[in-house]
């Protein structure tokens, strides 16, 4: 989990499929290769890979949290 923080995050799925999950939505929203996602940092969230295949993500966070 990425704990709540100030800022914003966006990502681009380079390969594979992931699910963008929040504590209030643990099933998540699917994000496929070639798609982007955006989330405000004010709620806990994480990405989940439900397949056996690797996924690559370009993830941008402001301000940097790691």
PDB file of N, CA and C in Angstrom:
ATOM      1  N   UNK A   1       0.822  -1.193   0.000  1.00  0.00           N
ATOM      2  CA  UNK A   1       0.000   0.000   0.000  1.00  0.00           C
ATOM      3  C   UNK A   1       0.862   1.251   0.000  1.00  0.00           C
ATOM      4  N   UNK A   2       0.410   2.233  -0.727  1.00  0.00           N
ATOM      5  CA  UNK A   2       0.997   3.560  -0.645  1.00  0.00           C
ATOM      6  C   UNK A   2       0.054   4.361   0.233  1.00  0.00           C
ATOM      7  N   UNK A   3       0.554   4.783   1.359  1.00  0.00           N
ATOM      8  CA  UNK A   3      -0.270   5.500   2.330  1.00  0.00           C
ATOM      9  C   UNK A   3      -0.668   6.867   1.777  1.00  0.00           C
ATOM     10  N   UNK A   4      -1.776   7.431   2.277  1.00  0.00           N
ATOM     11  CA  UNK A   4      -2.199   8.750   1.819  1.00  0.00           C
ATOM     12  C   UNK A   4      -1.084   9.784   1.975  1.00  0.00           C
ATOM     13  N   UNK A   5      -1.004  10.673   1.003  1.00  0.00           N
ATOM     14  CA  UNK A   5       0.026  11.708   1.002  1.00  0.00           C
ATOM     15  C   UNK A   5      -0.464  12.865   0.158  1.00  0.00           C
ATOM     16  N   UNK A   6       0.181  13.999   0.300  1.00  0.00           N
ATOM     17  CA  UNK A   6      -0.127  15.131  -0.567  1.00  0.00           C
ATOM     18  C   UNK A   6       0.396  14.820  -1.954  1.00  0.00           C
ATOM     19  N   UNK A   7      -0.251  15.335  -2.953  1.00  0.00           N
ATOM     20  CA  UNK A   7       0.254  15.184  -4.306  1.00  0.00           C
ATOM     21  C   UNK A   7      -0.640  14.339  -5.191  1.00  0.00           C
ATOM     22  N   UNK A   8      -0.084  14.021  -6.354  1.00  0.00           N
ATOM     23  CA  UNK A   8      -0.806  13.296  -7.388  1.00  0.00           C
ATOM     24  C   UNK A   8       0.114  12.252  -8.003  1.00  0.00           C
ATOM     25  N   UNK A   9      -0.486  11.246  -8.613  1.00  0.00           N
ATOM     26  CA  UNK A   9       0.292  10.218  -9.292  1.00  0.00           C
ATOM     27  C   UNK A   9      -0.372   9.878 -10.609  1.00  0.00           C
ATOM     28  N   UNK A  10       0.427   9.548 -11.571  1.00  0.00           N
ATOM     29  CA  UNK A  10      -0.089   9.052 -12.837  1.00  0.00           C
ATOM     30  C   UNK A  10       0.836   7.956 -13.328  1.00  0.00           C
ATOM     31  N   UNK A  11       0.294   7.085 -14.133  1.00  0.00           N
ATOM     32  CA  UNK A  11       1.099   5.996 -14.656  1.00  0.00           C
ATOM     33  C   UNK A  11       0.696   5.638 -16.065  1.00  0.00           C
ATOM     34  N   UNK A  12       1.608   4.954 -16.742  1.00  0.00           N
ATOM     35  CA  UNK A  12       1.394   4.448 -18.093  1.00  0.00           C
ATOM     36  C   UNK A  12       1.831   2.994 -18.093  1.00  0.00           C
ATOM     37  N   UNK A  13       0.962   2.102 -18.543  1.00  0.00           N
ATOM     38  CA  UNK A  13       1.277   0.668 -18.566  1.00  0.00           C
ATOM     39  C   UNK A  13       2.034   0.373 -19.856  1.00  0.00           C
ATOM     40  N   UNK A  14       3.314   0.051 -19.704  1.00  0.00           N
ATOM     41  CA  UNK A  14       4.176  -0.259 -20.856  1.00  0.00           C
ATOM     42  C   UNK A  14       3.908  -1.658 -21.385  1.00  0.00           C
ATOM     43  N   UNK A  15       3.623  -2.611 -20.497  1.00  0.00           N
ATOM     44  CA  UNK A  15       3.293  -3.985 -20.905  1.00  0.00           C
ATOM     45  C   UNK A  15       2.473  -4.647 -19.809  1.00  0.00           C
ATOM     46  N   UNK A  16       1.653  -5.598 -20.224  1.00  0.00           N
ATOM     47  CA  UNK A  16       0.843  -6.344 -19.275  1.00  0.00           C
ATOM     48  C   UNK A  16      -0.445  -5.624 -18.901  1.00  0.00           C
ATOM     49  N   UNK A  17      -1.011  -6.054 -17.779  1.00  0.00           N
ATOM     50  CA  UNK A  17      -2.237  -5.467 -17.229  1.00  0.00           C
ATOM     51  C   UNK A  17      -2.097  -5.441 -15.714  1.00  0.00           C
ATOM     52  N   UNK A  18      -2.516  -4.347 -15.116  1.00  0.00           N
ATOM     53  CA  UNK A  18      -2.536  -4.223 -13.660  1.00  0.00           C
ATOM     54  C   UNK A  18      -3.912  -3.706 -13.252  1.00  0.00           C
ATOM     55  N   UNK A  19      -4.157  -3.750 -11.963  1.00  0.00           N
ATOM     56  CA  UNK A  19      -5.386  -3.210 -11.400  1.00  0.00           C
ATOM     57  C   UNK A  19      -5.017  -2.108 -10.423  1.00  0.00           C
ATOM     58  N   UNK A  20      -5.621  -0.955 -10.594  1.00  0.00           N
ATOM     59  CA  UNK A  20      -5.427   0.164  -9.683  1.00  0.00           C
ATOM     60  C   UNK A  20      -6.440  -0.002  -8.561  1.00  0.00           C
ATOM     61  N   UNK A  21      -5.951  -0.277  -7.362  1.00  0.00           N
ATOM     62  CA  UNK A  21      -6.804  -0.586  -6.218  1.00  0.00           C
ATOM     63  C   UNK A  21      -6.704   0.506  -5.166  1.00  0.00           C
ATOM     64  N   UNK A  22      -7.827   0.737  -4.513  1.00  0.00           N
ATOM     65  CA  UNK A  22      -7.891   1.631  -3.364  1.00  0.00           C
ATOM     66  C   UNK A  22      -8.472   0.840  -2.209  1.00  0.00           C
ATOM     67  N   UNK A  23      -8.296   1.332  -1.019  1.00  0.00           N
ATOM     68  CA  UNK A  23      -8.781   0.605   0.150  1.00  0.00           C
ATOM     69  C   UNK A  23     -10.299   0.406   0.075  1.00  0.00           C
ATOM     70  N   UNK A  24     -11.029   1.345  -0.532  1.00  0.00           N
ATOM     71  CA  UNK A  24     -12.476   1.204  -0.665  1.00  0.00           C
ATOM     72  C   UNK A  24     -12.876   0.426  -1.918  1.00  0.00           C
ATOM     73  N   UNK A  25     -11.911   0.024  -2.737  1.00  0.00           N
ATOM     74  CA  UNK A  25     -12.164  -0.741  -3.964  1.00  0.00           C
ATOM     75  C   UNK A  25     -11.043  -1.752  -4.178  1.00  0.00           C
ATOM     76  N   UNK A  26     -10.971  -2.813  -3.332  1.00  0.00           N
ATOM     77  CA  UNK A  26      -9.860  -3.757  -3.433  1.00  0.00           C
ATOM     78  C   UNK A  26      -9.856  -4.591  -4.720  1.00  0.00           C
ATOM     79  N   UNK A  27     -10.993  -4.698  -5.424  1.00  0.00           N
ATOM     80  CA  UNK A  27     -11.009  -5.414  -6.709  1.00  0.00           C
ATOM     81  C   UNK A  27     -10.235  -4.634  -7.755  1.00  0.00           C
ATOM     82  N   UNK A  28     -10.327  -3.325  -7.679  1.00  0.00           N
ATOM     83  CA  UNK A  28      -9.557  -2.453  -8.553  1.00  0.00           C
ATOM     84  C   UNK A  28     -10.164  -2.242  -9.926  1.00  0.00           C
ATOM     85  N   UNK A  29      -9.560  -1.306 -10.618  1.00  0.00           N
ATOM     86  CA  UNK A  29      -9.930  -0.958 -11.988  1.00  0.00           C
ATOM     87  C   UNK A  29      -8.819  -1.439 -12.907  1.00  0.00           C
ATOM     88  N   UNK A  30      -9.136  -2.244 -13.942  1.00  0.00           N
ATOM     89  CA  UNK A  30      -8.073  -2.727 -14.819  1.00  0.00           C
ATOM     90  C   UNK A  30      -7.463  -1.608 -15.657  1.00  0.00           C
ATOM     91  N   UNK A  31      -6.141  -1.682 -15.809  1.00  0.00           N
ATOM     92  CA  UNK A  31      -5.406  -0.752 -16.666  1.00  0.00           C
ATOM     93  C   UNK A  31      -4.514  -1.609 -17.561  1.00  0.00           C
ATOM     94  N   UNK A  32      -4.750  -1.550 -18.860  1.00  0.00           N
ATOM     95  CA  UNK A  32      -4.062  -2.403 -19.831  1.00  0.00           C
ATOM     96  C   UNK A  32      -2.889  -1.706 -20.503  1.00  0.00           C
ATOM     97  N   UNK A  33      -2.074  -2.498 -21.171  1.00  0.00           N
ATOM     98  CA  UNK A  33      -0.951  -1.974 -21.949  1.00  0.00           C
ATOM     99  C   UNK A  33      -1.430  -0.826 -22.841  1.00  0.00           C
ATOM    100  N   UNK A  34      -0.690   0.290 -22.795  1.00  0.00           N
ATOM    101  CA  UNK A  34      -1.022   1.450 -23.609  1.00  0.00           C
ATOM    102  C   UNK A  34      -1.993   2.407 -22.956  1.00  0.00           C
ATOM    103  N   UNK A  35      -2.473   2.082 -21.760  1.00  0.00           N
ATOM    104  CA  UNK A  35      -3.411   2.952 -21.059  1.00  0.00           C
ATOM    105  C   UNK A  35      -2.714   3.686 -19.920  1.00  0.00           C
ATOM    106  N   UNK A  36      -3.312   4.778 -19.500  1.00  0.00           N
ATOM    107  CA  UNK A  36      -2.786   5.576 -18.395  1.00  0.00           C
ATOM    108  C   UNK A  36      -3.751   5.523 -17.216  1.00  0.00           C
ATOM    109  N   UNK A  37      -3.245   5.902 -16.047  1.00  0.00           N
ATOM    110  CA  UNK A  37      -4.107   6.063 -14.882  1.00  0.00           C
ATOM    111  C   UNK A  37      -3.654   7.293 -14.113  1.00  0.00           C
ATOM    112  N   UNK A  38      -4.579   7.848 -13.350  1.00  0.00           N
ATOM    113  CA  UNK A  38      -4.310   9.005 -12.504  1.00  0.00           C
ATOM    114  C   UNK A  38      -4.973   8.752 -11.162  1.00  0.00           C
ATOM    115  N   UNK A  39      -4.319   9.148 -10.091  1.00  0.00           N
ATOM    116  CA  UNK A  39      -4.924   9.050  -8.774  1.00  0.00           C
ATOM    117  C   UNK A  39      -4.382  10.173  -7.895  1.00  0.00           C
ATOM    118  N   UNK A  40      -5.273  10.752  -7.121  1.00  0.00           N
ATOM    119  CA  UNK A  40      -4.857  11.720  -6.116  1.00  0.00           C
ATOM    120  C   UNK A  40      -4.247  10.945  -4.963  1.00  0.00           C
ATOM    121  N   UNK A  41      -3.240  11.499  -4.335  1.00  0.00           N
ATOM    122  CA  UNK A  41      -2.548  10.794  -3.264  1.00  0.00           C
ATOM    123  C   UNK A  41      -3.264  10.811  -1.923  1.00  0.00           C
ATOM    124  N   UNK A  42      -4.456  11.388  -1.866  1.00  0.00           N
ATOM    125  CA  UNK A  42      -5.118  11.560  -0.565  1.00  0.00           C
ATOM    126  C   UNK A  42      -5.789  10.300  -0.011  1.00  0.00           C
ATOM    127  N   UNK A  43      -5.754   9.187  -0.764  1.00  0.00           N
ATOM    128  CA  UNK A  43      -6.287   7.912  -0.261  1.00  0.00           C
ATOM    129  C   UNK A  43      -5.269   6.809  -0.508  1.00  0.00           C
ATOM    130  N   UNK A  44      -5.212   5.840   0.411  1.00  0.00           N
ATOM    131  CA  UNK A  44      -4.289   4.707   0.242  1.00  0.00           C
ATOM    132  C   UNK A  44      -4.632   3.960  -1.050  1.00  0.00           C
ATOM    133  N   UNK A  45      -3.595   3.494  -1.757  1.00  0.00           N
ATOM    134  CA  UNK A  45      -3.801   2.827  -3.043  1.00  0.00           C
ATOM    135  C   UNK A  45      -2.608   1.932  -3.356  1.00  0.00           C
ATOM    136  N   UNK A  46      -2.783   1.089  -4.361  1.00  0.00           N
ATOM    137  CA  UNK A  46      -1.707   0.209  -4.803  1.00  0.00           C
ATOM    138  C   UNK A  46      -2.062  -0.373  -6.169  1.00  0.00           C
ATOM    139  N   UNK A  47      -1.059  -0.916  -6.839  1.00  0.00           N
ATOM    140  CA  UNK A  47      -1.268  -1.638  -8.086  1.00  0.00           C
ATOM    141  C   UNK A  47      -1.174  -3.125  -7.804  1.00  0.00           C
ATOM    142  N   UNK A  48      -1.994  -3.911  -8.503  1.00  0.00           N
ATOM    143  CA  UNK A  48      -1.986  -5.357  -8.324  1.00  0.00           C
ATOM    144  C   UNK A  48      -1.916  -6.022  -9.690  1.00  0.00           C
ATOM    145  N   UNK A  49      -1.018  -6.976  -9.832  1.00  0.00           N
ATOM    146  CA  UNK A  49      -0.905  -7.771 -11.045  1.00  0.00           C
ATOM    147  C   UNK A  49      -1.539  -9.121 -10.742  1.00  0.00           C
ATOM    148  N   UNK A  50      -2.686  -9.416 -11.355  1.00  0.00           N
ATOM    149  CA  UNK A  50      -3.415 -10.650 -11.075  1.00  0.00           C
ATOM    150  C   UNK A  50      -3.018 -11.800 -11.991  1.00  0.00           C
ATOM    151  N   UNK A  51      -2.082 -11.570 -12.890  1.00  0.00           N
ATOM    152  CA  UNK A  51      -1.676 -12.627 -13.829  1.00  0.00           C
ATOM    153  C   UNK A  51      -0.283 -13.146 -13.489  1.00  0.00           C
ATOM    154  N   UNK A  52       0.118 -14.166 -14.205  1.00  0.00           N
ATOM    155  CA  UNK A  52       1.463 -14.730 -14.052  1.00  0.00           C
ATOM    156  C   UNK A  52       2.484 -14.012 -14.930  1.00  0.00           C
ATOM    157  N   UNK A  53       2.033 -13.111 -15.765  1.00  0.00           N
ATOM    158  CA  UNK A  53       2.915 -12.374 -16.673  1.00  0.00           C
ATOM    159  C   UNK A  53       3.410 -11.097 -15.993  1.00  0.00           C
ATOM    160  N   UNK A  54       4.610 -10.703 -16.354  1.00  0.00           N
ATOM    161  CA  UNK A  54       5.156  -9.445 -15.841  1.00  0.00           C
ATOM    162  C   UNK A  54       4.395  -8.256 -16.418  1.00  0.00           C
ATOM    163  N   UNK A  55       4.383  -7.181 -15.669  1.00  0.00           N
ATOM    164  CA  UNK A  55       3.833  -5.914 -16.143  1.00  0.00           C
ATOM    165  C   UNK A  55       4.886  -4.843 -15.874  1.00  0.00           C
ATOM    166  N   UNK A  56       4.997  -3.898 -16.793  1.00  0.00           N
ATOM    167  CA  UNK A  56       5.929  -2.779 -16.626  1.00  0.00           C
ATOM    168  C   UNK A  56       5.114  -1.489 -16.620  1.00  0.00           C
ATOM    169  N   UNK A  57       5.428  -0.637 -15.647  1.00  0.00           N
ATOM    170  CA  UNK A  57       4.691   0.600 -15.457  1.00  0.00           C
ATOM    171  C   UNK A  57       5.663   1.774 -15.381  1.00  0.00           C
ATOM    172  N   UNK A  58       5.327   2.849 -16.052  1.00  0.00           N
ATOM    173  CA  UNK A  58       6.013   4.117 -15.851  1.00  0.00           C
ATOM    174  C   UNK A  58       5.143   4.885 -14.869  1.00  0.00           C
ATOM    175  N   UNK A  59       5.682   5.174 -13.670  1.00  0.00           N
ATOM    176  CA  UNK A  59       4.880   5.779 -12.599  1.00  0.00           C
ATOM    177  C   UNK A  59       5.511   7.105 -12.208  1.00  0.00           C
ATOM    178  N   UNK A  60       4.711   8.157 -12.238  1.00  0.00           N
ATOM    179  CA  UNK A  60       5.181   9.503 -11.926  1.00  0.00           C
ATOM    180  C   UNK A  60       4.404  10.018 -10.718  1.00  0.00           C
ATOM    181  N   UNK A  61       5.128  10.539  -9.745  1.00  0.00           N
ATOM    182  CA  UNK A  61       4.517  10.995  -8.501  1.00  0.00           C
ATOM    183  C   UNK A  61       5.027  12.395  -8.178  1.00  0.00           C
ATOM    184  N   UNK A  62       4.108  13.255  -7.759  1.00  0.00           N
ATOM    185  CA  UNK A  62       4.496  14.574  -7.313  1.00  0.00           C
ATOM    186  C   UNK A  62       3.790  14.914  -6.010  1.00  0.00           C
ATOM    187  N   UNK A  63       4.467  15.345  -4.997  1.00  0.00           N
ATOM    188  CA  UNK A  63       5.924  15.330  -4.905  1.00  0.00           C
ATOM    189  C   UNK A  63       6.425  13.902  -4.810  1.00  0.00           C
ATOM    190  N   UNK A  64       7.703  13.647  -5.105  1.00  0.00           N
ATOM    191  CA  UNK A  64       8.248  12.297  -5.025  1.00  0.00           C
ATOM    192  C   UNK A  64       8.046  11.723  -3.611  1.00  0.00           C
ATOM    193  N   UNK A  65       7.574  10.476  -3.530  1.00  0.00           N
ATOM    194  CA  UNK A  65       7.339   9.852  -2.221  1.00  0.00           C
ATOM    195  C   UNK A  65       8.333   8.739  -1.924  1.00  0.00           C
ATOM    196  N   UNK A  66       9.307   8.539  -2.795  1.00  0.00           N
ATOM    197  CA  UNK A  66      10.331   7.532  -2.541  1.00  0.00           C
ATOM    198  C   UNK A  66      11.654   7.954  -3.117  1.00  0.00           C
TER     199      UNK A  66
END
